[in-house]
Amino acid sequence: MIKMKIKFLSKREINSLVEEIINASLIFDIPKIKQIKSFELNSDTEIFSSATFILVRNQGKLFPFLQDSKTLTSLPEIVVDKGAIPFVCKGANIMRPGIKQINDSFLKDSIVVISEEIHSKNLAIGKTLHSSEELLTLDKGMVIENLHYVGDYVWNSCKDLDLSIA
């Protein structure tokens, strides 16, 4: 069992987090939030759960939790081929040859969701190293940093957690 700290954020902490979410362009239409529960997994990793979203802050980077389907639908999507799946699910960064589709346009340093081509299952959350326009011109190289993937520490730590706000 993982030892963690669980608390509700203060109004000031909520306002600060909402500002960070807006600045990171993760969620654009945030309703007034009354409660956010924080699960501190370790000194580098924290999960934030509200009625509106489930977000992760890991090593200073803020991104959606892979099971937060509502937030993920608002992110640009990158589709990888079936050959990339085992690598992505072990934490590998996304290489240009493994990308089958770029479904949305985005800027460099955007947070994107990585899905697989056959079943459209979400595999990972990543940060782009290029804009969508630049990515279309590339043939090789690493193009997306893998931040969170199915089976990683955050995923496994949250399996048995009740992330809902009661």
N, C-alpha and C. Protein backbone atom coordinates (compact mmCIF):
# COMPACT_ATOMS: atom_id res chain seq x y z
N MET A 1 0.85 -1.20 0.00
CA MET A 1 0.00 0.00 0.00
C MET A 1 0.88 1.25 0.00
N ILE A 2 0.51 2.19 -0.79
CA ILE A 2 1.29 3.43 -0.90
C ILE A 2 0.87 4.39 0.21
N LYS A 3 1.86 4.94 0.89
CA LYS A 3 1.59 5.92 1.94
C LYS A 3 1.49 7.30 1.28
N MET A 4 0.38 7.97 1.50
CA MET A 4 0.20 9.28 0.88
C MET A 4 -0.55 10.23 1.80
N LYS A 5 -0.41 11.51 1.49
CA LYS A 5 -1.14 12.54 2.23
C LYS A 5 -2.37 12.92 1.39
N ILE A 6 -3.52 12.99 2.05
CA ILE A 6 -4.75 13.38 1.38
C ILE A 6 -5.31 14.59 2.12
N LYS A 7 -5.66 15.62 1.35
CA LYS A 7 -6.24 16.83 1.96
C LYS A 7 -7.12 17.54 0.96
N PHE A 8 -7.95 18.46 1.46
CA PHE A 8 -8.72 19.34 0.60
C PHE A 8 -7.96 20.65 0.49
N LEU A 9 -7.92 21.21 -0.71
CA LEU A 9 -7.21 22.47 -0.92
C LEU A 9 -8.00 23.64 -0.34
N SER A 10 -7.28 24.66 0.12
CA SER A 10 -7.91 25.89 0.60
C SER A 10 -8.39 26.69 -0.61
N LYS A 11 -9.20 27.72 -0.37
CA LYS A 11 -9.68 28.58 -1.47
C LYS A 11 -8.50 29.18 -2.23
N ARG A 12 -7.50 29.64 -1.50
CA ARG A 12 -6.32 30.24 -2.14
C ARG A 12 -5.60 29.22 -3.01
N GLU A 13 -5.45 27.99 -2.51
CA GLU A 13 -4.79 26.93 -3.28
C GLU A 13 -5.61 26.56 -4.52
N ILE A 14 -6.95 26.54 -4.38
CA ILE A 14 -7.82 26.26 -5.53
C ILE A 14 -7.65 27.34 -6.59
N ASN A 15 -7.69 28.61 -6.18
CA ASN A 15 -7.53 29.72 -7.13
C ASN A 15 -6.19 29.65 -7.85
N SER A 16 -5.16 29.32 -7.12
CA SER A 16 -3.82 29.20 -7.70
C SER A 16 -3.77 28.05 -8.71
N LEU A 17 -4.36 26.91 -8.37
CA LEU A 17 -4.37 25.77 -9.28
C LEU A 17 -5.19 26.08 -10.53
N VAL A 18 -6.34 26.71 -10.37
CA VAL A 18 -7.18 27.07 -11.53
C VAL A 18 -6.42 27.99 -12.47
N GLU A 19 -5.69 28.95 -11.90
CA GLU A 19 -4.88 29.86 -12.72
C GLU A 19 -3.80 29.07 -13.49
N GLU A 20 -3.19 28.11 -12.81
CA GLU A 20 -2.17 27.27 -13.45
C GLU A 20 -2.78 26.44 -14.59
N ILE A 21 -3.98 25.92 -14.38
CA ILE A 21 -4.68 25.12 -15.40
C ILE A 21 -4.97 25.97 -16.63
N ILE A 22 -5.46 27.18 -16.40
CA ILE A 22 -5.78 28.09 -17.51
C ILE A 22 -4.51 28.48 -18.26
N ASN A 23 -3.44 28.81 -17.53
CA ASN A 23 -2.17 29.19 -18.17
C ASN A 23 -1.57 28.05 -18.98
N ALA A 24 -1.80 26.82 -18.54
CA ALA A 24 -1.27 25.65 -19.25
C ALA A 24 -2.20 25.22 -20.39
N SER A 25 -3.33 25.91 -20.56
CA SER A 25 -4.31 25.59 -21.60
C SER A 25 -4.81 24.15 -21.53
N LEU A 26 -4.98 23.64 -20.31
CA LEU A 26 -5.47 22.27 -20.14
C LEU A 26 -6.99 22.20 -20.22
N ILE A 27 -7.64 23.14 -19.57
CA ILE A 27 -9.10 23.21 -19.55
C ILE A 27 -9.47 24.67 -19.77
N PHE A 28 -10.36 24.92 -20.72
CA PHE A 28 -10.68 26.30 -21.06
C PHE A 28 -11.91 26.83 -20.34
N ASP A 29 -12.89 25.99 -20.12
CA ASP A 29 -14.13 26.42 -19.50
C ASP A 29 -14.26 25.78 -18.12
N ILE A 30 -13.69 26.44 -17.12
CA ILE A 30 -13.71 25.88 -15.76
C ILE A 30 -14.82 26.56 -14.96
N PRO A 31 -15.81 25.77 -14.54
CA PRO A 31 -16.85 26.35 -13.69
C PRO A 31 -16.28 26.64 -12.30
N LYS A 32 -17.05 27.35 -11.50
CA LYS A 32 -16.59 27.64 -10.13
C LYS A 32 -16.41 26.32 -9.39
N ILE A 33 -15.24 26.15 -8.80
CA ILE A 33 -14.90 24.91 -8.12
C ILE A 33 -14.90 25.15 -6.61
N LYS A 34 -15.68 24.34 -5.91
CA LYS A 34 -15.78 24.50 -4.46
C LYS A 34 -14.78 23.62 -3.71
N GLN A 35 -14.51 22.41 -4.26
CA GLN A 35 -13.61 21.50 -3.56
C GLN A 35 -12.65 20.83 -4.53
N ILE A 36 -11.41 20.73 -4.10
CA ILE A 36 -10.41 19.94 -4.82
C ILE A 36 -9.68 19.11 -3.77
N LYS A 37 -9.66 17.81 -4.01
CA LYS A 37 -8.96 16.89 -3.11
C LYS A 37 -7.57 16.66 -3.69
N SER A 38 -6.57 16.70 -2.83
CA SER A 38 -5.18 16.48 -3.22
C SER A 38 -4.69 15.16 -2.63
N PHE A 39 -4.08 14.34 -3.49
CA PHE A 39 -3.46 13.09 -3.06
C PHE A 39 -1.97 13.23 -3.35
N GLU A 40 -1.16 13.41 -2.32
CA GLU A 40 0.28 13.54 -2.51
C GLU A 40 0.89 12.14 -2.46
N LEU A 41 1.29 11.65 -3.64
CA LEU A 41 1.84 10.29 -3.74
C LEU A 41 3.27 10.23 -3.22
N ASN A 42 4.03 11.29 -3.52
CA ASN A 42 5.40 11.43 -3.01
C ASN A 42 5.79 12.90 -3.15
N SER A 43 7.02 13.25 -2.89
CA SER A 43 7.43 14.66 -2.92
C SER A 43 7.35 15.27 -4.32
N ASP A 44 7.34 14.44 -5.37
CA ASP A 44 7.30 14.95 -6.75
C ASP A 44 5.93 14.82 -7.41
N THR A 45 5.02 14.01 -6.85
CA THR A 45 3.80 13.66 -7.56
C THR A 45 2.56 13.89 -6.71
N GLU A 46 1.59 14.61 -7.30
CA GLU A 46 0.34 14.93 -6.62
C GLU A 46 -0.81 14.80 -7.61
N ILE A 47 -1.92 14.24 -7.15
CA ILE A 47 -3.14 14.12 -7.95
C ILE A 47 -4.14 15.13 -7.40
N PHE A 48 -4.82 15.86 -8.30
CA PHE A 48 -5.87 16.80 -7.91
C PHE A 48 -7.18 16.31 -8.48
N SER A 49 -8.17 16.13 -7.62
CA SER A 49 -9.46 15.62 -8.05
C SER A 49 -10.56 16.60 -7.66
N SER A 50 -11.39 16.93 -8.64
CA SER A 50 -12.55 17.79 -8.40
C SER A 50 -13.74 17.19 -9.14
N ALA A 51 -14.88 17.83 -9.03
CA ALA A 51 -16.07 17.38 -9.77
C ALA A 51 -15.88 17.60 -11.27
N THR A 52 -14.91 18.44 -11.65
CA THR A 52 -14.70 18.81 -13.04
C THR A 52 -13.54 18.08 -13.70
N PHE A 53 -12.50 17.74 -12.95
CA PHE A 53 -11.29 17.17 -13.55
C PHE A 53 -10.51 16.31 -12.56
N ILE A 54 -9.58 15.52 -13.12
CA ILE A 54 -8.56 14.83 -12.34
C ILE A 54 -7.24 15.14 -13.04
N LEU A 55 -6.36 15.85 -12.33
CA LEU A 55 -5.09 16.27 -12.91
C LEU A 55 -3.93 15.71 -12.09
N VAL A 56 -2.78 15.63 -12.73
CA VAL A 56 -1.56 15.16 -12.10
C VAL A 56 -0.51 16.26 -12.18
N ARG A 57 0.21 16.47 -11.08
CA ARG A 57 1.41 17.32 -11.15
C ARG A 57 2.57 16.39 -10.80
N ASN A 58 3.44 16.20 -11.78
CA ASN A 58 4.59 15.32 -11.59
C ASN A 58 5.84 16.08 -12.00
N GLN A 59 6.77 16.21 -11.08
CA GLN A 59 8.01 16.94 -11.30
C GLN A 59 7.74 18.33 -11.90
N GLY A 60 6.73 19.00 -11.35
CA GLY A 60 6.41 20.36 -11.74
C GLY A 60 5.56 20.50 -12.99
N LYS A 61 5.27 19.40 -13.68
CA LYS A 61 4.46 19.45 -14.90
C LYS A 61 3.03 19.04 -14.56
N LEU A 62 2.07 19.83 -15.05
CA LEU A 62 0.65 19.59 -14.79
C LEU A 62 0.01 19.02 -16.06
N PHE A 63 -0.73 17.91 -15.90
CA PHE A 63 -1.39 17.28 -17.05
C PHE A 63 -2.57 16.45 -16.55
N PRO A 64 -3.51 16.10 -17.45
CA PRO A 64 -4.67 15.31 -17.05
C PRO A 64 -4.30 13.86 -16.73
N PHE A 65 -5.04 13.27 -15.82
CA PHE A 65 -4.93 11.84 -15.51
C PHE A 65 -5.56 11.08 -16.68
N LEU A 66 -4.98 9.96 -17.06
CA LEU A 66 -5.45 9.20 -18.22
C LEU A 66 -6.90 8.73 -18.11
N GLN A 67 -7.43 8.60 -16.91
CA GLN A 67 -8.82 8.16 -16.78
C GLN A 67 -9.80 9.32 -16.70
N ASP A 68 -9.32 10.53 -16.89
CA ASP A 68 -10.18 11.72 -16.88
C ASP A 68 -10.67 11.96 -18.31
N SER A 69 -11.60 11.13 -18.76
CA SER A 69 -12.02 11.17 -20.17
C SER A 69 -12.62 12.52 -20.57
N LYS A 70 -13.27 13.20 -19.65
CA LYS A 70 -13.87 14.50 -19.98
C LYS A 70 -12.79 15.52 -20.38
N THR A 71 -11.73 15.60 -19.60
CA THR A 71 -10.64 16.53 -19.91
C THR A 71 -9.88 16.08 -21.15
N LEU A 72 -9.67 14.78 -21.30
CA LEU A 72 -8.91 14.27 -22.45
C LEU A 72 -9.57 14.60 -23.78
N THR A 73 -10.90 14.65 -23.81
CA THR A 73 -11.59 14.95 -25.07
C THR A 73 -11.32 16.38 -25.54
N SER A 74 -10.87 17.25 -24.64
CA SER A 74 -10.59 18.64 -25.03
C SER A 74 -9.14 18.83 -25.51
N LEU A 75 -8.33 17.77 -25.41
CA LEU A 75 -6.92 17.86 -25.81
C LEU A 75 -6.72 17.41 -27.26
N PRO A 76 -5.68 17.93 -27.92
CA PRO A 76 -5.34 17.40 -29.25
C PRO A 76 -4.98 15.92 -29.14
N GLU A 77 -5.31 15.15 -30.19
CA GLU A 77 -5.07 13.71 -30.17
C GLU A 77 -4.05 13.30 -31.23
N ILE A 78 -3.15 12.43 -30.81
CA ILE A 78 -2.16 11.83 -31.69
C ILE A 78 -2.43 10.34 -31.70
N VAL A 79 -2.52 9.72 -32.88
CA VAL A 79 -2.78 8.29 -33.00
C VAL A 79 -1.49 7.60 -33.42
N VAL A 80 -1.11 6.56 -32.64
CA VAL A 80 0.10 5.80 -32.97
C VAL A 80 -0.27 4.43 -33.53
N ASP A 81 0.65 3.85 -34.30
CA ASP A 81 0.40 2.53 -34.87
C ASP A 81 0.58 1.44 -33.83
N LYS A 82 0.12 0.24 -34.15
CA LYS A 82 0.15 -0.85 -33.16
C LYS A 82 1.56 -1.24 -32.75
N GLY A 83 2.54 -0.99 -33.59
CA GLY A 83 3.93 -1.31 -33.24
C GLY A 83 4.47 -0.42 -32.13
N ALA A 84 3.90 0.76 -31.98
CA ALA A 84 4.37 1.70 -30.95
C ALA A 84 3.78 1.41 -29.57
N ILE A 85 2.67 0.68 -29.53
CA ILE A 85 1.93 0.48 -28.28
C ILE A 85 2.80 -0.06 -27.14
N PRO A 86 3.51 -1.18 -27.33
CA PRO A 86 4.29 -1.70 -26.19
C PRO A 86 5.35 -0.73 -25.69
N PHE A 87 5.91 0.06 -26.58
CA PHE A 87 6.95 1.02 -26.18
C PHE A 87 6.34 2.19 -25.41
N VAL A 88 5.24 2.72 -25.93
CA VAL A 88 4.55 3.84 -25.26
C VAL A 88 4.10 3.41 -23.87
N CYS A 89 3.60 2.18 -23.74
CA CYS A 89 3.10 1.67 -22.46
C CYS A 89 4.21 1.26 -21.50
N LYS A 90 5.45 1.43 -21.93
CA LYS A 90 6.59 1.23 -21.03
C LYS A 90 7.29 2.56 -20.77
N GLY A 91 6.67 3.66 -21.24
CA GLY A 91 7.19 4.99 -20.95
C GLY A 91 8.03 5.62 -22.03
N ALA A 92 8.17 4.96 -23.18
CA ALA A 92 8.99 5.53 -24.25
C ALA A 92 8.36 6.81 -24.79
N ASN A 93 9.20 7.73 -25.19
CA ASN A 93 8.73 8.93 -25.86
C ASN A 93 8.23 8.54 -27.25
N ILE A 94 7.42 9.40 -27.84
CA ILE A 94 6.81 9.09 -29.12
C ILE A 94 7.72 9.57 -30.25
N MET A 95 8.02 8.63 -31.13
CA MET A 95 8.88 8.92 -32.27
C MET A 95 8.01 9.19 -33.50
N ARG A 96 8.48 10.01 -34.39
CA ARG A 96 7.68 10.40 -35.56
C ARG A 96 7.22 9.21 -36.42
N PRO A 97 8.06 8.20 -36.66
CA PRO A 97 7.59 7.10 -37.51
C PRO A 97 6.40 6.33 -36.94
N GLY A 98 6.20 6.35 -35.61
CA GLY A 98 5.09 5.61 -35.00
C GLY A 98 3.75 6.32 -35.09
N ILE A 99 3.74 7.57 -35.52
CA ILE A 99 2.50 8.35 -35.58
C ILE A 99 1.76 8.06 -36.88
N LYS A 100 0.49 7.67 -36.74
CA LYS A 100 -0.37 7.39 -37.90
C LYS A 100 -1.23 8.58 -38.26
N GLN A 101 -1.68 9.32 -37.24
CA GLN A 101 -2.61 10.43 -37.47
C GLN A 101 -2.36 11.55 -36.48
N ILE A 102 -2.56 12.75 -36.97
CA ILE A 102 -2.55 13.94 -36.11
C ILE A 102 -3.94 14.55 -36.29
N ASN A 103 -4.79 14.37 -35.28
CA ASN A 103 -6.20 14.74 -35.44
C ASN A 103 -6.52 16.20 -35.18
N ASP A 104 -5.59 16.94 -34.60
CA ASP A 104 -5.85 18.34 -34.26
C ASP A 104 -4.58 19.14 -34.45
N SER A 105 -4.73 20.44 -34.56
CA SER A 105 -3.54 21.29 -34.62
C SER A 105 -3.17 21.73 -33.21
N PHE A 106 -1.88 21.98 -33.00
CA PHE A 106 -1.39 22.38 -31.68
C PHE A 106 -0.06 23.09 -31.83
N LEU A 107 0.32 23.79 -30.77
CA LEU A 107 1.59 24.50 -30.72
C LEU A 107 2.64 23.63 -30.06
N LYS A 108 3.90 24.00 -30.20
CA LYS A 108 4.98 23.34 -29.49
C LYS A 108 4.71 23.45 -27.99
N ASP A 109 5.08 22.45 -27.21
CA ASP A 109 4.90 22.38 -25.76
C ASP A 109 3.44 22.19 -25.34
N SER A 110 2.59 21.76 -26.26
CA SER A 110 1.19 21.47 -25.91
C SER A 110 1.08 20.10 -25.26
N ILE A 111 0.07 19.94 -24.41
CA ILE A 111 -0.24 18.64 -23.82
C ILE A 111 -1.21 17.95 -24.79
N VAL A 112 -0.89 16.69 -25.14
CA VAL A 112 -1.71 15.92 -26.07
C VAL A 112 -2.00 14.55 -25.49
N VAL A 113 -3.05 13.92 -25.99
CA VAL A 113 -3.37 12.55 -25.61
C VAL A 113 -2.92 11.63 -26.75
N ILE A 114 -2.28 10.53 -26.38
CA ILE A 114 -1.79 9.56 -27.35
C ILE A 114 -2.74 8.37 -27.31
N SER A 115 -3.31 8.01 -28.46
CA SER A 115 -4.20 6.85 -28.52
C SER A 115 -3.70 5.88 -29.58
N GLU A 116 -4.24 4.66 -29.52
CA GLU A 116 -3.80 3.65 -30.49
C GLU A 116 -4.83 3.54 -31.62
N GLU A 117 -4.38 3.06 -32.78
CA GLU A 117 -5.19 3.14 -33.99
C GLU A 117 -6.33 2.13 -34.08
N ILE A 118 -6.23 0.97 -33.44
CA ILE A 118 -7.24 -0.07 -33.66
C ILE A 118 -8.49 0.14 -32.82
N HIS A 119 -8.33 0.34 -31.52
CA HIS A 119 -9.48 0.47 -30.61
C HIS A 119 -9.68 1.89 -30.10
N SER A 120 -8.85 2.82 -30.51
CA SER A 120 -8.90 4.22 -30.06
C SER A 120 -8.79 4.36 -28.55
N LYS A 121 -8.05 3.47 -27.90
CA LYS A 121 -7.83 3.55 -26.45
C LYS A 121 -6.72 4.56 -26.17
N ASN A 122 -6.90 5.34 -25.11
CA ASN A 122 -5.88 6.29 -24.70
C ASN A 122 -4.75 5.54 -24.01
N LEU A 123 -3.53 5.80 -24.46
CA LEU A 123 -2.35 5.11 -23.94
C LEU A 123 -1.49 6.00 -23.06
N ALA A 124 -1.44 7.30 -23.41
CA ALA A 124 -0.48 8.17 -22.73
C ALA A 124 -0.89 9.63 -22.87
N ILE A 125 -0.26 10.44 -22.03
CA ILE A 125 -0.34 11.90 -22.11
C ILE A 125 1.08 12.36 -22.40
N GLY A 126 1.21 13.28 -23.36
CA GLY A 126 2.54 13.74 -23.71
C GLY A 126 2.61 15.24 -23.90
N LYS A 127 3.84 15.73 -23.98
CA LYS A 127 4.11 17.14 -24.25
C LYS A 127 4.84 17.21 -25.58
N THR A 128 4.29 18.01 -26.50
CA THR A 128 4.85 18.07 -27.85
C THR A 128 6.16 18.85 -27.89
N LEU A 129 7.07 18.36 -28.69
CA LEU A 129 8.36 19.04 -28.88
C LEU A 129 8.36 19.89 -30.14
N HIS A 130 7.26 19.80 -30.91
CA HIS A 130 7.09 20.55 -32.15
C HIS A 130 5.61 20.92 -32.28
N SER A 131 5.32 21.91 -33.12
CA SER A 131 3.92 22.21 -33.43
C SER A 131 3.41 21.14 -34.39
N SER A 132 2.09 21.08 -34.56
CA SER A 132 1.51 20.09 -35.49
C SER A 132 2.01 20.34 -36.91
N GLU A 133 2.14 21.59 -37.30
CA GLU A 133 2.64 21.91 -38.65
C GLU A 133 4.06 21.40 -38.84
N GLU A 134 4.93 21.63 -37.85
CA GLU A 134 6.31 21.15 -37.93
C GLU A 134 6.35 19.62 -37.95
N LEU A 135 5.50 19.02 -37.11
CA LEU A 135 5.48 17.56 -37.00
C LEU A 135 5.15 16.90 -38.34
N LEU A 136 4.26 17.52 -39.11
CA LEU A 136 3.87 16.98 -40.42
C LEU A 136 5.04 16.96 -41.41
N THR A 137 6.02 17.82 -41.21
CA THR A 137 7.16 17.88 -42.13
C THR A 137 8.30 16.94 -41.73
N LEU A 138 8.22 16.38 -40.53
CA LEU A 138 9.30 15.51 -40.04
C LEU A 138 9.08 14.06 -40.45
N ASP A 139 10.19 13.33 -40.63
CA ASP A 139 10.13 11.91 -40.96
C ASP A 139 10.64 11.03 -39.83
N LYS A 140 11.48 11.59 -38.96
CA LYS A 140 12.08 10.78 -37.90
C LYS A 140 12.34 11.62 -36.67
N GLY A 141 12.74 10.93 -35.61
CA GLY A 141 13.10 11.61 -34.37
C GLY A 141 12.00 11.60 -33.33
N MET A 142 12.40 11.95 -32.09
CA MET A 142 11.46 12.05 -30.98
C MET A 142 10.64 13.33 -31.15
N VAL A 143 9.31 13.21 -31.03
CA VAL A 143 8.46 14.37 -31.25
C VAL A 143 7.54 14.70 -30.06
N ILE A 144 7.34 13.72 -29.17
CA ILE A 144 6.48 13.94 -28.00
C ILE A 144 7.12 13.28 -26.77
N GLU A 145 7.22 14.06 -25.70
CA GLU A 145 7.73 13.54 -24.42
C GLU A 145 6.58 12.85 -23.69
N ASN A 146 6.76 11.60 -23.32
CA ASN A 146 5.75 10.83 -22.61
C ASN A 146 5.76 11.25 -21.14
N LEU A 147 4.63 11.83 -20.67
CA LEU A 147 4.52 12.30 -19.30
C LEU A 147 3.82 11.31 -18.37
N HIS A 148 2.88 10.54 -18.92
CA HIS A 148 2.02 9.66 -18.11
C HIS A 148 1.45 8.60 -19.04
N TYR A 149 1.53 7.33 -18.63
CA TYR A 149 1.07 6.25 -19.51
C TYR A 149 0.39 5.15 -18.70
N VAL A 150 -0.39 4.35 -19.39
CA VAL A 150 -1.07 3.21 -18.78
C VAL A 150 -0.02 2.32 -18.13
N GLY A 151 -0.20 2.04 -16.84
CA GLY A 151 0.72 1.17 -16.12
C GLY A 151 1.87 1.86 -15.42
N ASP A 152 1.95 3.20 -15.50
CA ASP A 152 3.04 3.89 -14.81
C ASP A 152 2.73 4.03 -13.32
N TYR A 153 3.63 4.68 -12.58
CA TYR A 153 3.50 4.84 -11.14
C TYR A 153 2.18 5.53 -10.77
N VAL A 154 1.83 6.60 -11.47
CA VAL A 154 0.61 7.34 -11.16
C VAL A 154 -0.61 6.45 -11.42
N TRP A 155 -0.63 5.80 -12.57
CA TRP A 155 -1.74 4.90 -12.95
C TRP A 155 -1.93 3.83 -11.87
N ASN A 156 -0.85 3.16 -11.53
CA ASN A 156 -0.93 2.07 -10.55
C ASN A 156 -1.27 2.57 -9.15
N SER A 157 -0.81 3.76 -8.79
CA SER A 157 -1.09 4.33 -7.47
C SER A 157 -2.56 4.68 -7.32
N CYS A 158 -3.23 4.98 -8.42
CA CYS A 158 -4.61 5.45 -8.37
C CYS A 158 -5.65 4.36 -8.59
N LYS A 159 -5.20 3.14 -8.88
CA LYS A 159 -6.14 2.04 -9.12
C LYS A 159 -7.17 1.89 -8.01
N ASP A 160 -6.71 1.93 -6.77
CA ASP A 160 -7.59 1.67 -5.64
C ASP A 160 -8.05 2.93 -4.91
N LEU A 161 -7.73 4.09 -5.46
CA LEU A 161 -8.14 5.35 -4.82
C LEU A 161 -9.55 5.74 -5.24
N ASP A 162 -10.27 6.35 -4.33
CA ASP A 162 -11.56 6.95 -4.68
C ASP A 162 -11.27 8.42 -5.00
N LEU A 163 -11.16 8.72 -6.28
CA LEU A 163 -10.80 10.08 -6.70
C LEU A 163 -12.01 11.01 -6.77
N SER A 164 -13.21 10.48 -6.49
CA SER A 164 -14.39 11.32 -6.56
C SER A 164 -14.47 12.25 -5.36
N ILE A 165 -15.17 13.35 -5.55
CA ILE A 165 -15.40 14.31 -4.47
C ILE A 165 -16.77 13.98 -3.87
N ALA A 166 -16.76 13.60 -2.60
CA ALA A 166 -18.03 13.20 -1.95
C ALA A 166 -18.79 14.41 -1.45
